[in-house]
């Protein structure tokens, strides 16, 4: 059973440490450095993902992904999350028609998942999701919900047709709600009109809080919901093998029109032998070899103001032959 007490106990120790905790000497020696490439392009539309950071390494077999409240979260008085469609033209996006439906297909008293099929989506909803003996087909979106402080909190969403994920911590202090922002991809990233991960099947294992992603190009990844609290949500990812064809093992997708109209405005990264953190605007980030990467905002934005920053770290790999 998906036990909230176990989940929150694990989160408590994590929340006590800062996001950029100093690794021990042994951890520094064992760190795997991966390549981060910036494929971002300028964009006026605030609802189009123009930010793309690709993570590659033939040795990588695991990493940790965190969504962390932004540094200014405690200053927010009035949140902003409404979409801004000015300067947007989505008339040429492909559309696959489907019968709209909603179904809660797995639940316990404290956690549950609800799937949605929209009237149309840009890719067919043909990825099955399996929980025990239950198999659901046709969902465009899966919501992961948690019962916290006597109300339902949505902590994560998954889009099976294109492999996109979004995650957010529980609302900060007395806030009633926070926004989603950047998305991320887990698995062999490829471009089919836009970056995607082509999934064969998703299997959820409730006892270990694990999503097993089976890829059409072969292999699989296990995404464990390690902890969630009012500071961050932490996911541990393990891969069965290297990515086919040298493809990225993960990618971050976000939007940036300008610094105060963005879901991600800055990149900070740490290299294995670096003496400190490097930092750049996300649109100007030159790419880097890094052992830890933070993507987020220092200044409040008019777009998804309360959306979390993203941290990619604890890259683990096989020994080079």
C-alpha atoms as a PDB file:
ATOM      1  CA  UNK A   1       0.000   0.000   0.000  1.00  0.00           C
ATOM      2  CA  UNK A   2       1.113   3.563  -0.775  1.00  0.00           C
ATOM      3  CA  UNK A   3       1.841   4.735   2.801  1.00  0.00           C
ATOM      4  CA  UNK A   4       1.876   8.516   3.251  1.00  0.00           C
ATOM      5  CA  UNK A   5       3.598   8.285   6.630  1.00  0.00           C
ATOM      6  CA  UNK A   6       6.558   6.435   5.141  1.00  0.00           C
ATOM      7  CA  UNK A   7       6.667   8.917   2.269  1.00  0.00           C
ATOM      8  CA  UNK A   8       6.682  11.974   4.530  1.00  0.00           C
ATOM      9  CA  UNK A   9       9.204  10.537   6.990  1.00  0.00           C
ATOM     10  CA  UNK A  10      11.593  10.083   4.085  1.00  0.00           C
ATOM     11  CA  UNK A  11      10.868  13.608   2.914  1.00  0.00           C
ATOM     12  CA  UNK A  12      11.568  15.143   6.303  1.00  0.00           C
ATOM     13  CA  UNK A  13      15.273  14.368   6.240  1.00  0.00           C
ATOM     14  CA  UNK A  14      15.563  15.599   2.666  1.00  0.00           C
ATOM     15  CA  UNK A  15      13.873  18.909   3.413  1.00  0.00           C
ATOM     16  CA  UNK A  16      16.365  19.649   6.170  1.00  0.00           C
ATOM     17  CA  UNK A  17      19.184  19.965   3.630  1.00  0.00           C
ATOM     18  CA  UNK A  18      19.577  22.888   1.207  1.00  0.00           C
ATOM     19  CA  UNK A  19      19.030  22.256  -2.481  1.00  0.00           C
ATOM     20  CA  UNK A  20      22.730  22.751  -3.199  1.00  0.00           C
ATOM     21  CA  UNK A  21      24.100  20.676  -0.313  1.00  0.00           C
ATOM     22  CA  UNK A  22      27.892  20.300  -0.410  1.00  0.00           C
ATOM     23  CA  UNK A  23      28.800  16.715  -1.395  1.00  0.00           C
ATOM     24  CA  UNK A  24      31.244  14.760   0.730  1.00  0.00           C
ATOM     25  CA  UNK A  25      34.753  14.080  -0.664  1.00  0.00           C
ATOM     26  CA  UNK A  26      33.756  10.486  -1.433  1.00  0.00           C
ATOM     27  CA  UNK A  27      30.618  11.620  -3.238  1.00  0.00           C
ATOM     28  CA  UNK A  28      32.675  14.076  -5.277  1.00  0.00           C
ATOM     29  CA  UNK A  29      35.054  11.299  -6.287  1.00  0.00           C
ATOM     30  CA  UNK A  30      32.184   9.017  -7.314  1.00  0.00           C
ATOM     31  CA  UNK A  31      30.169  11.613  -9.223  1.00  0.00           C
ATOM     32  CA  UNK A  32      29.353  10.922 -12.847  1.00  0.00           C
ATOM     33  CA  UNK A  33      29.584  13.901 -15.160  1.00  0.00           C
ATOM     34  CA  UNK A  34      27.045  14.058 -17.990  1.00  0.00           C
ATOM     35  CA  UNK A  35      26.744  16.303 -21.011  1.00  0.00           C
ATOM     36  CA  UNK A  36      23.991  18.924 -21.079  1.00  0.00           C
ATOM     37  CA  UNK A  37      23.190  20.419 -24.484  1.00  0.00           C
ATOM     38  CA  UNK A  38      21.031  23.494 -24.996  1.00  0.00           C
ATOM     39  CA  UNK A  39      18.656  23.299 -27.967  1.00  0.00           C
ATOM     40  CA  UNK A  40      16.527  26.260 -26.894  1.00  0.00           C
ATOM     41  CA  UNK A  41      15.301  28.838 -29.399  1.00  0.00           C
ATOM     42  CA  UNK A  42      13.783  32.330 -29.002  1.00  0.00           C
ATOM     43  CA  UNK A  43       9.986  32.405 -28.821  1.00  0.00           C
ATOM     44  CA  UNK A  44       7.301  35.067 -28.275  1.00  0.00           C
ATOM     45  CA  UNK A  45       4.458  32.692 -27.369  1.00  0.00           C
ATOM     46  CA  UNK A  46       4.322  32.108 -23.612  1.00  0.00           C
ATOM     47  CA  UNK A  47       2.490  28.787 -24.049  1.00  0.00           C
ATOM     48  CA  UNK A  48       5.031  27.118 -26.319  1.00  0.00           C
ATOM     49  CA  UNK A  49       7.956  25.131 -24.928  1.00  0.00           C
ATOM     50  CA  UNK A  50      10.983  26.714 -26.577  1.00  0.00           C
ATOM     51  CA  UNK A  51      13.476  25.613 -23.906  1.00  0.00           C
ATOM     52  CA  UNK A  52      15.106  22.225 -24.378  1.00  0.00           C
ATOM     53  CA  UNK A  53      18.038  20.940 -22.338  1.00  0.00           C
ATOM     54  CA  UNK A  54      19.167  17.427 -23.291  1.00  0.00           C
ATOM     55  CA  UNK A  55      21.135  15.197 -20.894  1.00  0.00           C
ATOM     56  CA  UNK A  56      23.400  12.544 -22.429  1.00  0.00           C
ATOM     57  CA  UNK A  57      25.913   9.955 -21.219  1.00  0.00           C
ATOM     58  CA  UNK A  58      26.538   6.415 -22.492  1.00  0.00           C
ATOM     59  CA  UNK A  59      27.495   5.376 -18.951  1.00  0.00           C
ATOM     60  CA  UNK A  60      24.476   6.704 -17.098  1.00  0.00           C
ATOM     61  CA  UNK A  61      22.132   4.261 -15.358  1.00  0.00           C
ATOM     62  CA  UNK A  62      20.455   6.480 -12.769  1.00  0.00           C
ATOM     63  CA  UNK A  63      19.756  10.008 -11.553  1.00  0.00           C
ATOM     64  CA  UNK A  64      17.603  12.028  -9.198  1.00  0.00           C
ATOM     65  CA  UNK A  65      15.075  14.643 -10.326  1.00  0.00           C
ATOM     66  CA  UNK A  66      13.601  17.202  -7.940  1.00  0.00           C
ATOM     67  CA  UNK A  67      10.946  19.878  -8.280  1.00  0.00           C
ATOM     68  CA  UNK A  68      11.678  22.513  -5.621  1.00  0.00           C
ATOM     69  CA  UNK A  69       9.748  25.619  -4.648  1.00  0.00           C
ATOM     70  CA  UNK A  70      11.427  28.781  -6.024  1.00  0.00           C
ATOM     71  CA  UNK A  71      13.515  30.905  -3.668  1.00  0.00           C
ATOM     72  CA  UNK A  72      10.882  33.660  -3.618  1.00  0.00           C
ATOM     73  CA  UNK A  73       7.965  31.342  -2.742  1.00  0.00           C
ATOM     74  CA  UNK A  74       7.514  32.936   0.701  1.00  0.00           C
ATOM     75  CA  UNK A  75       7.039  36.393  -0.865  1.00  0.00           C
ATOM     76  CA  UNK A  76       4.032  35.469  -3.022  1.00  0.00           C
ATOM     77  CA  UNK A  77       0.863  37.272  -1.990  1.00  0.00           C
ATOM     78  CA  UNK A  78      -1.208  36.751  -5.136  1.00  0.00           C
ATOM     79  CA  UNK A  79      -0.301  33.900  -7.473  1.00  0.00           C
ATOM     80  CA  UNK A  80      -0.368  33.977 -11.287  1.00  0.00           C
ATOM     81  CA  UNK A  81      -1.116  30.882 -13.330  1.00  0.00           C
ATOM     82  CA  UNK A  82      -3.517  31.891 -16.118  1.00  0.00           C
ATOM     83  CA  UNK A  83      -2.220  31.089 -19.623  1.00  0.00           C
ATOM     84  CA  UNK A  84      -1.126  33.910 -21.913  1.00  0.00           C
ATOM     85  CA  UNK A  85      -2.097  33.142 -25.509  1.00  0.00           C
ATOM     86  CA  UNK A  86      -0.987  36.482 -26.928  1.00  0.00           C
ATOM     87  CA  UNK A  87       1.608  36.060 -29.697  1.00  0.00           C
ATOM     88  CA  UNK A  88       0.575  32.400 -30.068  1.00  0.00           C
ATOM     89  CA  UNK A  89      -0.539  30.577 -33.201  1.00  0.00           C
ATOM     90  CA  UNK A  90      -1.302  26.913 -32.531  1.00  0.00           C
ATOM     91  CA  UNK A  91      -3.535  26.426 -35.566  1.00  0.00           C
ATOM     92  CA  UNK A  92      -1.045  24.102 -37.251  1.00  0.00           C
ATOM     93  CA  UNK A  93      -0.665  21.666 -34.337  1.00  0.00           C
ATOM     94  CA  UNK A  94      -1.770  18.117 -35.229  1.00  0.00           C
ATOM     95  CA  UNK A  95      -4.969  16.862 -33.583  1.00  0.00           C
ATOM     96  CA  UNK A  96      -6.140  13.303 -32.997  1.00  0.00           C
ATOM     97  CA  UNK A  97      -9.798  13.099 -31.995  1.00  0.00           C
ATOM     98  CA  UNK A  98     -10.921  10.866 -29.115  1.00  0.00           C
ATOM     99  CA  UNK A  99     -13.933  10.261 -26.885  1.00  0.00           C
ATOM    100  CA  UNK A 100     -13.503  12.402 -23.780  1.00  0.00           C
ATOM    101  CA  UNK A 101     -13.576  10.587 -20.452  1.00  0.00           C
ATOM    102  CA  UNK A 102     -12.238  10.669 -16.893  1.00  0.00           C
ATOM    103  CA  UNK A 103     -11.594   7.695 -14.657  1.00  0.00           C
ATOM    104  CA  UNK A 104      -9.959   7.159 -11.266  1.00  0.00           C
ATOM    105  CA  UNK A 105      -8.379   3.772 -11.908  1.00  0.00           C
ATOM    106  CA  UNK A 106      -6.316   3.253  -8.733  1.00  0.00           C
ATOM    107  CA  UNK A 107      -6.794   4.596  -5.231  1.00  0.00           C
ATOM    108  CA  UNK A 108      -6.091   4.167  -1.551  1.00  0.00           C
ATOM    109  CA  UNK A 109      -7.427   6.412   1.225  1.00  0.00           C
ATOM    110  CA  UNK A 110      -4.388   8.685   0.827  1.00  0.00           C
ATOM    111  CA  UNK A 111      -3.248   8.390  -2.797  1.00  0.00           C
ATOM    112  CA  UNK A 112      -4.981   7.912  -6.125  1.00  0.00           C
ATOM    113  CA  UNK A 113      -4.521   8.293  -9.873  1.00  0.00           C
ATOM    114  CA  UNK A 114      -7.027   9.724 -12.315  1.00  0.00           C
ATOM    115  CA  UNK A 115      -6.752   9.414 -16.073  1.00  0.00           C
ATOM    116  CA  UNK A 116      -8.165  11.825 -18.652  1.00  0.00           C
ATOM    117  CA  UNK A 117      -8.857  11.405 -22.329  1.00  0.00           C
ATOM    118  CA  UNK A 118      -9.312  14.762 -24.054  1.00  0.00           C
ATOM    119  CA  UNK A 119     -11.537  15.405 -27.095  1.00  0.00           C
ATOM    120  CA  UNK A 120      -8.302  15.820 -29.066  1.00  0.00           C
ATOM    121  CA  UNK A 121      -4.556  15.607 -28.486  1.00  0.00           C
ATOM    122  CA  UNK A 122      -1.498  16.098 -30.657  1.00  0.00           C
ATOM    123  CA  UNK A 123      -0.620  12.376 -30.520  1.00  0.00           C
ATOM    124  CA  UNK A 124      -2.815   9.271 -30.275  1.00  0.00           C
ATOM    125  CA  UNK A 125      -3.498   8.031 -26.748  1.00  0.00           C
ATOM    126  CA  UNK A 126      -2.382   4.445 -27.328  1.00  0.00           C
ATOM    127  CA  UNK A 127      -0.049   3.815 -24.343  1.00  0.00           C
ATOM    128  CA  UNK A 128      -1.556   1.370 -21.809  1.00  0.00           C
ATOM    129  CA  UNK A 129      -1.052   1.871 -18.074  1.00  0.00           C
ATOM    130  CA  UNK A 130      -1.125  -1.190 -15.850  1.00  0.00           C
ATOM    131  CA  UNK A 131      -1.708  -1.381 -12.085  1.00  0.00           C
ATOM    132  CA  UNK A 132      -1.854  -4.995 -10.931  1.00  0.00           C
ATOM    133  CA  UNK A 133      -4.509  -6.709 -13.035  1.00  0.00           C
ATOM    134  CA  UNK A 134      -6.057  -3.421 -14.151  1.00  0.00           C
ATOM    135  CA  UNK A 135      -5.076  -2.107 -17.584  1.00  0.00           C
ATOM    136  CA  UNK A 136      -6.301   1.235 -18.907  1.00  0.00           C
ATOM    137  CA  UNK A 137      -5.890   2.484 -22.464  1.00  0.00           C
ATOM    138  CA  UNK A 138      -6.395   5.796 -24.184  1.00  0.00           C
ATOM    139  CA  UNK A 139      -5.427   8.287 -21.486  1.00  0.00           C
ATOM    140  CA  UNK A 140      -3.775  11.520 -22.585  1.00  0.00           C
ATOM    141  CA  UNK A 141      -3.082  12.637 -19.008  1.00  0.00           C
ATOM    142  CA  UNK A 142      -2.609  10.862 -15.680  1.00  0.00           C
ATOM    143  CA  UNK A 143      -2.880  12.840 -12.453  1.00  0.00           C
ATOM    144  CA  UNK A 144      -1.257  11.641  -9.220  1.00  0.00           C
ATOM    145  CA  UNK A 145      -3.153  12.896  -6.158  1.00  0.00           C
ATOM    146  CA  UNK A 146      -2.327  12.908  -2.454  1.00  0.00           C
ATOM    147  CA  UNK A 147      -4.535  13.591   0.570  1.00  0.00           C
ATOM    148  CA  UNK A 148      -2.784  16.217   2.710  1.00  0.00           C
ATOM    149  CA  UNK A 149      -4.049  18.681   5.333  1.00  0.00           C
ATOM    150  CA  UNK A 150      -7.604  17.428   4.859  1.00  0.00           C
ATOM    151  CA  UNK A 151      -7.723  18.151   1.145  1.00  0.00           C
ATOM    152  CA  UNK A 152      -6.662  16.662  -2.176  1.00  0.00           C
ATOM    153  CA  UNK A 153      -3.328  17.808  -3.621  1.00  0.00           C
ATOM    154  CA  UNK A 154      -2.219  17.014  -7.162  1.00  0.00           C
ATOM    155  CA  UNK A 155       1.534  16.381  -7.011  1.00  0.00           C
ATOM    156  CA  UNK A 156       2.386  15.081 -10.468  1.00  0.00           C
ATOM    157  CA  UNK A 157       1.059  14.570 -13.992  1.00  0.00           C
ATOM    158  CA  UNK A 158       2.208  12.236 -16.757  1.00  0.00           C
ATOM    159  CA  UNK A 159       1.321  12.457 -20.453  1.00  0.00           C
ATOM    160  CA  UNK A 160       1.618   8.881 -21.789  1.00  0.00           C
ATOM    161  CA  UNK A 161       1.359   9.732 -25.528  1.00  0.00           C
ATOM    162  CA  UNK A 162       4.566  11.816 -25.547  1.00  0.00           C
ATOM    163  CA  UNK A 163       6.266  10.864 -22.267  1.00  0.00           C
ATOM    164  CA  UNK A 164       6.141  14.288 -20.595  1.00  0.00           C
ATOM    165  CA  UNK A 165       6.120  14.656 -16.804  1.00  0.00           C
ATOM    166  CA  UNK A 166       5.373  17.589 -14.522  1.00  0.00           C
ATOM    167  CA  UNK A 167       5.863  17.556 -10.763  1.00  0.00           C
ATOM    168  CA  UNK A 168       5.401  19.986  -7.894  1.00  0.00           C
ATOM    169  CA  UNK A 169       5.853  19.930  -4.114  1.00  0.00           C
ATOM    170  CA  UNK A 170       2.990  20.229  -1.687  1.00  0.00           C
ATOM    171  CA  UNK A 171       1.851  23.862  -1.296  1.00  0.00           C
ATOM    172  CA  UNK A 172       4.280  25.987   0.694  1.00  0.00           C
ATOM    173  CA  UNK A 173       3.226  26.781   4.280  1.00  0.00           C
ATOM    174  CA  UNK A 174      -0.370  28.088   4.159  1.00  0.00           C
ATOM    175  CA  UNK A 175      -0.655  28.463   0.384  1.00  0.00           C
ATOM    176  CA  UNK A 176      -3.689  26.699  -1.024  1.00  0.00           C
ATOM    177  CA  UNK A 177      -2.128  25.826  -4.363  1.00  0.00           C
ATOM    178  CA  UNK A 178       0.971  26.197  -6.536  1.00  0.00           C
ATOM    179  CA  UNK A 179       1.410  26.056 -10.296  1.00  0.00           C
ATOM    180  CA  UNK A 180       3.095  23.574 -12.574  1.00  0.00           C
ATOM    181  CA  UNK A 181       5.905  24.894 -14.741  1.00  0.00           C
ATOM    182  CA  UNK A 182       8.704  23.076 -16.554  1.00  0.00           C
ATOM    183  CA  UNK A 183       8.248  19.555 -17.907  1.00  0.00           C
ATOM    184  CA  UNK A 184      10.788  16.757 -18.147  1.00  0.00           C
ATOM    185  CA  UNK A 185      11.269  13.612 -20.192  1.00  0.00           C
ATOM    186  CA  UNK A 186      12.675  10.306 -18.915  1.00  0.00           C
ATOM    187  CA  UNK A 187      13.998   7.804 -21.433  1.00  0.00           C
ATOM    188  CA  UNK A 188      15.411   7.835 -24.948  1.00  0.00           C
ATOM    189  CA  UNK A 189      14.505  11.335 -26.144  1.00  0.00           C
ATOM    190  CA  UNK A 190      13.816  11.690 -29.849  1.00  0.00           C
ATOM    191  CA  UNK A 191      12.099  14.247 -32.049  1.00  0.00           C
ATOM    192  CA  UNK A 192       8.771  13.462 -33.680  1.00  0.00           C
ATOM    193  CA  UNK A 193       7.647  16.998 -34.551  1.00  0.00           C
ATOM    194  CA  UNK A 194       8.788  17.884 -31.015  1.00  0.00           C
ATOM    195  CA  UNK A 195      10.934  16.085 -28.417  1.00  0.00           C
ATOM    196  CA  UNK A 196       9.197  13.000 -27.001  1.00  0.00           C
ATOM    197  CA  UNK A 197       9.821   9.669 -25.316  1.00  0.00           C
ATOM    198  CA  UNK A 198       7.992   6.931 -27.212  1.00  0.00           C
ATOM    199  CA  UNK A 199       6.451   4.656 -24.571  1.00  0.00           C
ATOM    200  CA  UNK A 200       5.290   1.085 -25.052  1.00  0.00           C
ATOM    201  CA  UNK A 201       3.630   0.746 -21.649  1.00  0.00           C
ATOM    202  CA  UNK A 202       3.545   2.238 -18.144  1.00  0.00           C
ATOM    203  CA  UNK A 203       3.328  -0.081 -15.134  1.00  0.00           C
ATOM    204  CA  UNK A 204       2.697   1.297 -11.641  1.00  0.00           C
ATOM    205  CA  UNK A 205       3.853  -0.724  -8.617  1.00  0.00           C
ATOM    206  CA  UNK A 206       1.994   0.695  -5.587  1.00  0.00           C
ATOM    207  CA  UNK A 207       4.042  -0.999  -2.855  1.00  0.00           C
ATOM    208  CA  UNK A 208       7.284   0.665  -3.965  1.00  0.00           C
ATOM    209  CA  UNK A 209       5.732   3.857  -5.407  1.00  0.00           C
ATOM    210  CA  UNK A 210       7.363   3.015  -8.735  1.00  0.00           C
ATOM    211  CA  UNK A 211       6.430   3.812 -12.327  1.00  0.00           C
ATOM    212  CA  UNK A 212       8.020   1.369 -14.772  1.00  0.00           C
ATOM    213  CA  UNK A 213       8.405   2.962 -18.203  1.00  0.00           C
ATOM    214  CA  UNK A 214       8.796   0.483 -21.051  1.00  0.00           C
ATOM    215  CA  UNK A 215      10.214   2.102 -24.175  1.00  0.00           C
ATOM    216  CA  UNK A 216       9.324   1.277 -27.766  1.00  0.00           C
ATOM    217  CA  UNK A 217      13.009   1.489 -28.637  1.00  0.00           C
ATOM    218  CA  UNK A 218      13.827  -1.121 -26.012  1.00  0.00           C
ATOM    219  CA  UNK A 219      14.767  -1.090 -22.358  1.00  0.00           C
ATOM    220  CA  UNK A 220      12.959   0.472 -19.454  1.00  0.00           C
ATOM    221  CA  UNK A 221      13.272   2.963 -16.617  1.00  0.00           C
ATOM    222  CA  UNK A 222      11.996   2.804 -13.060  1.00  0.00           C
ATOM    223  CA  UNK A 223      10.827   6.117 -11.589  1.00  0.00           C
ATOM    224  CA  UNK A 224      10.365   5.974  -7.811  1.00  0.00           C
ATOM    225  CA  UNK A 225       8.470   8.671  -5.921  1.00  0.00           C
ATOM    226  CA  UNK A 226      11.032   8.889  -3.131  1.00  0.00           C
ATOM    227  CA  UNK A 227       9.506  11.714  -1.105  1.00  0.00           C
ATOM    228  CA  UNK A 228       7.213  14.710  -1.249  1.00  0.00           C
ATOM    229  CA  UNK A 229       6.750  17.545   1.222  1.00  0.00           C
ATOM    230  CA  UNK A 230       6.207  21.308   1.326  1.00  0.00           C
ATOM    231  CA  UNK A 231       9.690  22.020  -0.044  1.00  0.00           C
ATOM    232  CA  UNK A 232      10.169  19.538  -2.879  1.00  0.00           C
ATOM    233  CA  UNK A 233       9.202  16.317  -4.574  1.00  0.00           C
ATOM    234  CA  UNK A 234      12.022  13.865  -5.274  1.00  0.00           C
ATOM    235  CA  UNK A 235      12.081  11.149  -7.929  1.00  0.00           C
ATOM    236  CA  UNK A 236      14.790   8.494  -8.236  1.00  0.00           C
ATOM    237  CA  UNK A 237      15.278   7.145 -11.759  1.00  0.00           C
ATOM    238  CA  UNK A 238      17.071   3.942 -12.790  1.00  0.00           C
ATOM    239  CA  UNK A 239      17.606   2.678 -16.342  1.00  0.00           C
ATOM    240  CA  UNK A 240      18.006  -0.904 -17.491  1.00  0.00           C
ATOM    241  CA  UNK A 241      20.637   0.003 -20.081  1.00  0.00           C
ATOM    242  CA  UNK A 242      22.222   2.800 -22.090  1.00  0.00           C
ATOM    243  CA  UNK A 243      19.980   4.829 -24.371  1.00  0.00           C
ATOM    244  CA  UNK A 244      19.721   3.394 -27.896  1.00  0.00           C
ATOM    245  CA  UNK A 245      21.572   5.325 -30.557  1.00  0.00           C
ATOM    246  CA  UNK A 246      23.227   7.585 -28.002  1.00  0.00           C
ATOM    247  CA  UNK A 247      19.985   9.475 -27.425  1.00  0.00           C
ATOM    248  CA  UNK A 248      19.521  11.723 -24.378  1.00  0.00           C
ATOM    249  CA  UNK A 249      18.438   9.870 -21.244  1.00  0.00           C
ATOM    250  CA  UNK A 250      16.431  12.884 -20.062  1.00  0.00           C
ATOM    251  CA  UNK A 251      15.413  16.351 -21.165  1.00  0.00           C
ATOM    252  CA  UNK A 252      13.983  19.463 -19.591  1.00  0.00           C
ATOM    253  CA  UNK A 253      11.321  21.373 -21.506  1.00  0.00           C
ATOM    254  CA  UNK A 254      10.100  24.819 -20.519  1.00  0.00           C
ATOM    255  CA  UNK A 255       9.194  28.263 -21.816  1.00  0.00           C
ATOM    256  CA  UNK A 256      11.097  31.546 -21.863  1.00  0.00           C
ATOM    257  CA  UNK A 257       9.961  34.711 -23.592  1.00  0.00           C
ATOM    258  CA  UNK A 258      11.874  37.036 -21.273  1.00  0.00           C
ATOM    259  CA  UNK A 259      13.071  36.750 -17.689  1.00  0.00           C
ATOM    260  CA  UNK A 260       9.815  38.001 -16.176  1.00  0.00           C
ATOM    261  CA  UNK A 261       7.707  35.925 -18.593  1.00  0.00           C
ATOM    262  CA  UNK A 262       9.134  32.465 -18.150  1.00  0.00           C
ATOM    263  CA  UNK A 263       8.825  29.145 -16.362  1.00  0.00           C
ATOM    264  CA  UNK A 264      12.623  28.791 -16.409  1.00  0.00           C
ATOM    265  CA  UNK A 265      14.988  31.740 -16.762  1.00  0.00           C
ATOM    266  CA  UNK A 266      18.366  30.608 -15.411  1.00  0.00           C
ATOM    267  CA  UNK A 267      20.637  27.557 -15.436  1.00  0.00           C
ATOM    268  CA  UNK A 268      23.210  26.815 -12.737  1.00  0.00           C
ATOM    269  CA  UNK A 269      25.550  23.859 -13.036  1.00  0.00           C
ATOM    270  CA  UNK A 270      28.389  22.246 -11.146  1.00  0.00           C
ATOM    271  CA  UNK A 271      31.211  20.322 -12.805  1.00  0.00           C
ATOM    272  CA  UNK A 272      33.227  17.535 -11.248  1.00  0.00           C
ATOM    273  CA  UNK A 273      36.386  19.569 -10.722  1.00  0.00           C
ATOM    274  CA  UNK A 274      34.787  22.985 -10.583  1.00  0.00           C
ATOM    275  CA  UNK A 275      35.459  25.281  -7.638  1.00  0.00           C
ATOM    276  CA  UNK A 276      31.928  26.663  -7.620  1.00  0.00           C
ATOM    277  CA  UNK A 277      28.661  26.944  -9.480  1.00  0.00           C
ATOM    278  CA  UNK A 278      28.450  28.422 -12.975  1.00  0.00           C
ATOM    279  CA  UNK A 279      25.328  30.272 -14.031  1.00  0.00           C
ATOM    280  CA  UNK A 280      23.772  31.617 -17.235  1.00  0.00           C
ATOM    281  CA  UNK A 281      20.458  32.736 -18.658  1.00  0.00           C
ATOM    282  CA  UNK A 282      18.722  29.648 -19.975  1.00  0.00           C
ATOM    283  CA  UNK A 283      18.455  31.028 -23.496  1.00  0.00           C
ATOM    284  CA  UNK A 284      22.228  31.752 -23.511  1.00  0.00           C
ATOM    285  CA  UNK A 285      23.412  28.616 -21.694  1.00  0.00           C
ATOM    286  CA  UNK A 286      26.374  27.325 -23.753  1.00  0.00           C
ATOM    287  CA  UNK A 287      26.003  23.695 -22.721  1.00  0.00           C
ATOM    288  CA  UNK A 288      28.278  22.015 -20.218  1.00  0.00           C
ATOM    289  CA  UNK A 289      29.552  18.819 -18.681  1.00  0.00           C
ATOM    290  CA  UNK A 290      27.984  18.734 -15.233  1.00  0.00           C
ATOM    291  CA  UNK A 291      27.416  16.659 -12.125  1.00  0.00           C
ATOM    292  CA  UNK A 292      24.391  18.703 -11.010  1.00  0.00           C
ATOM    293  CA  UNK A 293      22.066  21.090 -12.840  1.00  0.00           C
ATOM    294  CA  UNK A 294      19.503  23.554 -11.490  1.00  0.00           C
ATOM    295  CA  UNK A 295      16.995  25.250 -13.802  1.00  0.00           C
ATOM    296  CA  UNK A 296      14.680  27.906 -12.428  1.00  0.00           C
ATOM    297  CA  UNK A 297      14.099  31.560 -11.648  1.00  0.00           C
ATOM    298  CA  UNK A 298      15.583  34.172  -9.342  1.00  0.00           C
ATOM    299  CA  UNK A 299      13.003  36.849 -10.164  1.00  0.00           C
ATOM    300  CA  UNK A 300       9.218  36.453  -9.946  1.00  0.00           C
ATOM    301  CA  UNK A 301       7.556  35.797 -13.286  1.00  0.00           C
ATOM    302  CA  UNK A 302       4.199  36.854 -14.674  1.00  0.00           C
ATOM    303  CA  UNK A 303       3.785  33.284 -15.919  1.00  0.00           C
ATOM    304  CA  UNK A 304       3.150  30.430 -13.459  1.00  0.00           C
ATOM    305  CA  UNK A 305       4.599  32.512 -10.635  1.00  0.00           C
ATOM    306  CA  UNK A 306       4.682  29.733  -8.023  1.00  0.00           C
ATOM    307  CA  UNK A 307       5.942  26.974 -10.340  1.00  0.00           C
ATOM    308  CA  UNK A 308       8.929  24.995  -9.028  1.00  0.00           C
ATOM    309  CA  UNK A 309      12.574  25.031 -10.017  1.00  0.00           C
ATOM    310  CA  UNK A 310      14.022  21.756 -11.318  1.00  0.00           C
ATOM    311  CA  UNK A 311      17.183  19.982 -10.137  1.00  0.00           C
ATOM    312  CA  UNK A 312      18.914  17.090 -11.932  1.00  0.00           C
ATOM    313  CA  UNK A 313      21.618  15.408  -9.856  1.00  0.00           C
ATOM    314  CA  UNK A 314      23.122  12.210  -8.413  1.00  0.00           C
ATOM    315  CA  UNK A 315      24.001  10.872 -11.844  1.00  0.00           C
ATOM    316  CA  UNK A 316      25.073   7.247 -11.530  1.00  0.00           C
ATOM    317  CA  UNK A 317      26.733   5.115 -14.152  1.00  0.00           C
ATOM    318  CA  UNK A 318      28.448   1.873 -14.977  1.00  0.00           C
ATOM    319  CA  UNK A 319      32.226   1.621 -14.855  1.00  0.00           C
ATOM    320  CA  UNK A 320      33.818   2.500 -18.171  1.00  0.00           C
ATOM    321  CA  UNK A 321      35.453  -0.472 -19.897  1.00  0.00           C
END
